[in-house]
């Protein structure tokens, strides 16, 4: 369980996926809201940054 700090030292605060990486999540979401049909290409780096942050906390995404 990646939210259990005793099982996952990468996530010592026990954050759930919905609350993890708020900075990268917000930037990704804003990009998708404003990029329209080109969102997949325009937001690619932001998506990758968010995935890297989530993986850094031990989430398998």
PDB file of N, CA and C in Angstrom:
ATOM      1  N   UNK A   1       0.849  -1.186   0.000  1.00  0.00           N
ATOM      2  CA  UNK A   1       0.000   0.000   0.000  1.00  0.00           C
ATOM      3  C   UNK A   1       0.892   1.246   0.000  1.00  0.00           C
ATOM      4  N   UNK A   2       0.926   2.010  -1.098  1.00  0.00           N
ATOM      5  CA  UNK A   2       1.795   3.178  -1.170  1.00  0.00           C
ATOM      6  C   UNK A   2       1.390   4.311  -0.227  1.00  0.00           C
ATOM      7  N   UNK A   3       0.193   4.240   0.358  1.00  0.00           N
ATOM      8  CA  UNK A   3      -0.219   5.288   1.290  1.00  0.00           C
ATOM      9  C   UNK A   3       0.140   4.966   2.732  1.00  0.00           C
ATOM     10  N   UNK A   4       0.672   3.773   2.973  1.00  0.00           N
ATOM     11  CA  UNK A   4       1.058   3.363   4.327  1.00  0.00           C
ATOM     12  C   UNK A   4       2.532   3.701   4.561  1.00  0.00           C
ATOM     13  N   UNK A   5       2.804   4.715   5.393  1.00  0.00           N
ATOM     14  CA  UNK A   5       4.191   5.128   5.624  1.00  0.00           C
ATOM     15  C   UNK A   5       5.084   4.019   6.169  1.00  0.00           C
ATOM     16  N   UNK A   6       4.510   3.040   6.863  1.00  0.00           N
ATOM     17  CA  UNK A   6       5.331   1.951   7.390  1.00  0.00           C
ATOM     18  C   UNK A   6       5.760   0.991   6.283  1.00  0.00           C
ATOM     19  N   UNK A   7       5.006   0.943   5.200  1.00  0.00           N
ATOM     20  CA  UNK A   7       5.333   0.072   4.074  1.00  0.00           C
ATOM     21  C   UNK A   7       6.053   0.816   2.955  1.00  0.00           C
ATOM     22  N   UNK A   8       5.896   2.137   2.898  1.00  0.00           N
ATOM     23  CA  UNK A   8       6.454   2.919   1.803  1.00  0.00           C
ATOM     24  C   UNK A   8       7.228   4.115   2.339  1.00  0.00           C
ATOM     25  N   UNK A   9       8.537   3.991   2.467  1.00  0.00           N
ATOM     26  CA  UNK A   9       9.338   5.112   2.975  1.00  0.00           C
ATOM     27  C   UNK A   9       9.383   6.303   2.019  1.00  0.00           C
ATOM     28  N   UNK A  10       8.974   6.121   0.763  1.00  0.00           N
ATOM     29  CA  UNK A  10       8.950   7.229  -0.191  1.00  0.00           C
ATOM     30  C   UNK A  10       7.798   8.191   0.089  1.00  0.00           C
ATOM     31  N   UNK A  11       6.811   7.733   0.844  1.00  0.00           N
ATOM     32  CA  UNK A  11       5.626   8.536   1.143  1.00  0.00           C
ATOM     33  C   UNK A  11       5.437   8.608   2.659  1.00  0.00           C
ATOM     34  N   UNK A  12       6.345   9.287   3.375  1.00  0.00           N
ATOM     35  CA  UNK A  12       6.282   9.294   4.839  1.00  0.00           C
ATOM     36  C   UNK A  12       5.040   9.982   5.405  1.00  0.00           C
ATOM     37  N   UNK A  13       4.395  10.834   4.630  1.00  0.00           N
ATOM     38  CA  UNK A  13       3.189  11.514   5.119  1.00  0.00           C
ATOM     39  C   UNK A  13       1.927  10.696   4.872  1.00  0.00           C
ATOM     40  N   UNK A  14       2.039   9.599   4.140  1.00  0.00           N
ATOM     41  CA  UNK A  14       0.877   8.754   3.869  1.00  0.00           C
ATOM     42  C   UNK A  14      -0.134   9.400   2.943  1.00  0.00           C
ATOM     43  N   UNK A  15       0.339  10.204   2.001  1.00  0.00           N
ATOM     44  CA  UNK A  15      -0.567  10.882   1.076  1.00  0.00           C
ATOM     45  C   UNK A  15      -1.296   9.892   0.183  1.00  0.00           C
ATOM     46  N   UNK A  16      -2.554  10.172  -0.080  1.00  0.00           N
ATOM     47  CA  UNK A  16      -3.330   9.386  -1.029  1.00  0.00           C
ATOM     48  C   UNK A  16      -3.078   9.971  -2.423  1.00  0.00           C
ATOM     49  N   UNK A  17      -3.300   9.195  -3.488  1.00  0.00           N
ATOM     50  CA  UNK A  17      -3.017   9.687  -4.838  1.00  0.00           C
ATOM     51  C   UNK A  17      -3.707  11.009  -5.172  1.00  0.00           C
ATOM     52  N   UNK A  18      -4.912  11.211  -4.664  1.00  0.00           N
ATOM     53  CA  UNK A  18      -5.641  12.443  -4.972  1.00  0.00           C
ATOM     54  C   UNK A  18      -4.981  13.682  -4.380  1.00  0.00           C
ATOM     55  N   UNK A  19      -4.193  13.513  -3.345  1.00  0.00           N
ATOM     56  CA  UNK A  19      -3.599  14.650  -2.641  1.00  0.00           C
ATOM     57  C   UNK A  19      -2.097  14.777  -2.876  1.00  0.00           C
ATOM     58  N   UNK A  20      -1.522  13.830  -3.582  1.00  0.00           N
ATOM     59  CA  UNK A  20      -0.081  13.840  -3.821  1.00  0.00           C
ATOM     60  C   UNK A  20       0.255  14.774  -4.978  1.00  0.00           C
ATOM     61  N   UNK A  21       1.397  15.398  -4.917  1.00  0.00           N
ATOM     62  CA  UNK A  21       1.946  16.222  -5.999  1.00  0.00           C
ATOM     63  C   UNK A  21       0.982  17.319  -6.466  1.00  0.00           C
ATOM     64  N   UNK A  22       0.490  18.157  -5.567  1.00  0.00           N
ATOM     65  CA  UNK A  22      -0.495  19.162  -5.970  1.00  0.00           C
ATOM     66  C   UNK A  22       0.028  20.172  -6.992  1.00  0.00           C
ATOM     67  N   UNK A  23       1.324  20.493  -6.947  1.00  0.00           N
ATOM     68  CA  UNK A  23       1.860  21.476  -7.885  1.00  0.00           C
ATOM     69  C   UNK A  23       1.826  20.943  -9.314  1.00  0.00           C
ATOM     70  N   UNK A  24       2.311  19.727  -9.506  1.00  0.00           N
ATOM     71  CA  UNK A  24       2.335  19.176 -10.862  1.00  0.00           C
ATOM     72  C   UNK A  24       0.929  18.808 -11.329  1.00  0.00           C
ATOM     73  N   UNK A  25       0.083  18.401 -10.402  1.00  0.00           N
ATOM     74  CA  UNK A  25      -1.295  18.060 -10.756  1.00  0.00           C
ATOM     75  C   UNK A  25      -2.040  19.303 -11.226  1.00  0.00           C
ATOM     76  N   UNK A  26      -1.882  20.394 -10.517  1.00  0.00           N
ATOM     77  CA  UNK A  26      -2.555  21.639 -10.875  1.00  0.00           C
ATOM     78  C   UNK A  26      -2.092  22.157 -12.234  1.00  0.00           C
ATOM     79  N   UNK A  27      -0.780  22.140 -12.466  1.00  0.00           N
ATOM     80  CA  UNK A  27      -0.243  22.609 -13.742  1.00  0.00           C
ATOM     81  C   UNK A  27      -0.753  21.740 -14.889  1.00  0.00           C
ATOM     82  N   UNK A  28      -0.778  20.440 -14.686  1.00  0.00           N
ATOM     83  CA  UNK A  28      -1.280  19.511 -15.707  1.00  0.00           C
ATOM     84  C   UNK A  28      -2.742  19.777 -16.013  1.00  0.00           C
ATOM     85  N   UNK A  29      -3.555  19.919 -14.963  1.00  0.00           N
ATOM     86  CA  UNK A  29      -4.985  20.146 -15.146  1.00  0.00           C
ATOM     87  C   UNK A  29      -5.261  21.468 -15.854  1.00  0.00           C
ATOM     88  N   UNK A  30      -4.554  22.524 -15.469  1.00  0.00           N
ATOM     89  CA  UNK A  30      -4.717  23.831 -16.121  1.00  0.00           C
ATOM     90  C   UNK A  30      -4.392  23.735 -17.604  1.00  0.00           C
ATOM     91  N   UNK A  31      -3.334  23.036 -17.924  1.00  0.00           N
ATOM     92  CA  UNK A  31      -2.943  22.869 -19.318  1.00  0.00           C
ATOM     93  C   UNK A  31      -4.059  22.186 -20.105  1.00  0.00           C
ATOM     94  N   UNK A  32      -4.602  21.106 -19.576  1.00  0.00           N
ATOM     95  CA  UNK A  32      -5.658  20.387 -20.283  1.00  0.00           C
ATOM     96  C   UNK A  32      -6.917  21.234 -20.431  1.00  0.00           C
ATOM     97  N   UNK A  33      -7.198  22.084 -19.459  1.00  0.00           N
ATOM     98  CA  UNK A  33      -8.379  22.939 -19.548  1.00  0.00           C
ATOM     99  C   UNK A  33      -8.249  23.982 -20.647  1.00  0.00           C
ATOM    100  N   UNK A  34      -7.033  24.457 -20.887  1.00  0.00           N
ATOM    101  CA  UNK A  34      -6.846  25.572 -21.815  1.00  0.00           C
ATOM    102  C   UNK A  34      -6.267  25.182 -23.169  1.00  0.00           C
ATOM    103  N   UNK A  35      -5.779  23.983 -23.329  1.00  0.00           N
ATOM    104  CA  UNK A  35      -5.118  23.592 -24.575  1.00  0.00           C
ATOM    105  C   UNK A  35      -6.079  23.031 -25.621  1.00  0.00           C
ATOM    106  N   UNK A  36      -7.283  22.720 -25.231  1.00  0.00           N
ATOM    107  CA  UNK A  36      -8.275  22.227 -26.186  1.00  0.00           C
ATOM    108  C   UNK A  36      -7.866  20.927 -26.849  1.00  0.00           C
ATOM    109  N   UNK A  37      -8.071  20.873 -28.165  1.00  0.00           N
ATOM    110  CA  UNK A  37      -7.816  19.640 -28.908  1.00  0.00           C
ATOM    111  C   UNK A  37      -6.332  19.305 -29.010  1.00  0.00           C
ATOM    112  N   UNK A  38      -5.470  20.257 -28.721  1.00  0.00           N
ATOM    113  CA  UNK A  38      -4.026  20.022 -28.792  1.00  0.00           C
ATOM    114  C   UNK A  38      -3.431  19.646 -27.434  1.00  0.00           C
ATOM    115  N   UNK A  39      -4.279  19.365 -26.472  1.00  0.00           N
ATOM    116  CA  UNK A  39      -3.829  19.108 -25.101  1.00  0.00           C
ATOM    117  C   UNK A  39      -2.848  17.945 -25.008  1.00  0.00           C
ATOM    118  N   UNK A  40      -3.107  16.877 -25.748  1.00  0.00           N
ATOM    119  CA  UNK A  40      -2.217  15.713 -25.651  1.00  0.00           C
ATOM    120  C   UNK A  40      -0.774  16.087 -25.952  1.00  0.00           C
ATOM    121  N   UNK A  41      -0.571  16.903 -26.970  1.00  0.00           N
ATOM    122  CA  UNK A  41       0.788  17.286 -27.350  1.00  0.00           C
ATOM    123  C   UNK A  41       1.324  18.419 -26.472  1.00  0.00           C
ATOM    124  N   UNK A  42       0.511  19.440 -26.236  1.00  0.00           N
ATOM    125  CA  UNK A  42       0.963  20.618 -25.485  1.00  0.00           C
ATOM    126  C   UNK A  42       1.238  20.318 -24.016  1.00  0.00           C
ATOM    127  N   UNK A  43       0.548  19.357 -23.461  1.00  0.00           N
ATOM    128  CA  UNK A  43       0.650  19.086 -22.025  1.00  0.00           C
ATOM    129  C   UNK A  43       1.517  17.869 -21.706  1.00  0.00           C
ATOM    130  N   UNK A  44       2.148  17.315 -22.705  1.00  0.00           N
ATOM    131  CA  UNK A  44       2.907  16.077 -22.542  1.00  0.00           C
ATOM    132  C   UNK A  44       3.968  16.185 -21.438  1.00  0.00           C
ATOM    133  N   UNK A  45       4.738  17.272 -21.435  1.00  0.00           N
ATOM    134  CA  UNK A  45       5.794  17.427 -20.422  1.00  0.00           C
ATOM    135  C   UNK A  45       5.215  17.551 -19.019  1.00  0.00           C
ATOM    136  N   UNK A  46       4.076  18.248 -18.899  1.00  0.00           N
ATOM    137  CA  UNK A  46       3.446  18.402 -17.586  1.00  0.00           C
ATOM    138  C   UNK A  46       2.920  17.060 -17.074  1.00  0.00           C
ATOM    139  N   UNK A  47       2.388  16.258 -17.976  1.00  0.00           N
ATOM    140  CA  UNK A  47       1.913  14.924 -17.602  1.00  0.00           C
ATOM    141  C   UNK A  47       3.093  14.084 -17.124  1.00  0.00           C
ATOM    142  N   UNK A  48       4.199  14.134 -17.871  1.00  0.00           N
ATOM    143  CA  UNK A  48       5.381  13.361 -17.489  1.00  0.00           C
ATOM    144  C   UNK A  48       5.927  13.817 -16.132  1.00  0.00           C
ATOM    145  N   UNK A  49       5.911  15.123 -15.885  1.00  0.00           N
ATOM    146  CA  UNK A  49       6.376  15.643 -14.592  1.00  0.00           C
ATOM    147  C   UNK A  49       5.503  15.134 -13.452  1.00  0.00           C
ATOM    148  N   UNK A  50       4.194  15.118 -13.683  1.00  0.00           N
ATOM    149  CA  UNK A  50       3.277  14.645 -12.644  1.00  0.00           C
ATOM    150  C   UNK A  50       3.475  13.145 -12.394  1.00  0.00           C
ATOM    151  N   UNK A  51       3.632  12.379 -13.464  1.00  0.00           N
ATOM    152  CA  UNK A  51       3.870  10.942 -13.300  1.00  0.00           C
ATOM    153  C   UNK A  51       5.169  10.688 -12.542  1.00  0.00           C
ATOM    154  N   UNK A  52       6.197  11.452 -12.848  1.00  0.00           N
ATOM    155  CA  UNK A  52       7.479  11.290 -12.152  1.00  0.00           C
ATOM    156  C   UNK A  52       7.328  11.603 -10.670  1.00  0.00           C
ATOM    157  N   UNK A  53       6.574  12.642 -10.357  1.00  0.00           N
ATOM    158  CA  UNK A  53       6.340  13.001  -8.956  1.00  0.00           C
ATOM    159  C   UNK A  53       5.587  11.874  -8.240  1.00  0.00           C
ATOM    160  N   UNK A  54       4.546  11.356  -8.872  1.00  0.00           N
ATOM    161  CA  UNK A  54       3.761  10.278  -8.268  1.00  0.00           C
ATOM    162  C   UNK A  54       4.619   9.029  -8.052  1.00  0.00           C
ATOM    163  N   UNK A  55       5.417   8.692  -9.045  1.00  0.00           N
ATOM    164  CA  UNK A  55       6.298   7.521  -8.912  1.00  0.00           C
ATOM    165  C   UNK A  55       7.323   7.742  -7.810  1.00  0.00           C
ATOM    166  N   UNK A  56       7.754   8.991  -7.654  1.00  0.00           N
ATOM    167  CA  UNK A  56       8.708   9.316  -6.605  1.00  0.00           C
ATOM    168  C   UNK A  56       8.148   9.093  -5.211  1.00  0.00           C
ATOM    169  N   UNK A  57       6.822   9.096  -5.114  1.00  0.00           N
ATOM    170  CA  UNK A  57       6.160   8.821  -3.835  1.00  0.00           C
ATOM    171  C   UNK A  57       5.766   7.349  -3.704  1.00  0.00           C
ATOM    172  N   UNK A  58       6.136   6.551  -4.696  1.00  0.00           N
ATOM    173  CA  UNK A  58       5.874   5.122  -4.615  1.00  0.00           C
ATOM    174  C   UNK A  58       4.593   4.650  -5.273  1.00  0.00           C
ATOM    175  N   UNK A  59       3.877   5.543  -5.945  1.00  0.00           N
ATOM    176  CA  UNK A  59       2.648   5.132  -6.622  1.00  0.00           C
ATOM    177  C   UNK A  59       3.002   4.496  -7.956  1.00  0.00           C
ATOM    178  N   UNK A  60       2.312   3.425  -8.299  1.00  0.00           N
ATOM    179  CA  UNK A  60       2.553   2.732  -9.564  1.00  0.00           C
ATOM    180  C   UNK A  60       1.574   3.262 -10.599  1.00  0.00           C
ATOM    181  N   UNK A  61       2.031   4.256 -11.347  1.00  0.00           N
ATOM    182  CA  UNK A  61       1.192   4.860 -12.390  1.00  0.00           C
ATOM    183  C   UNK A  61       1.839   4.719 -13.736  1.00  0.00           C
TER     184      UNK A  61
END
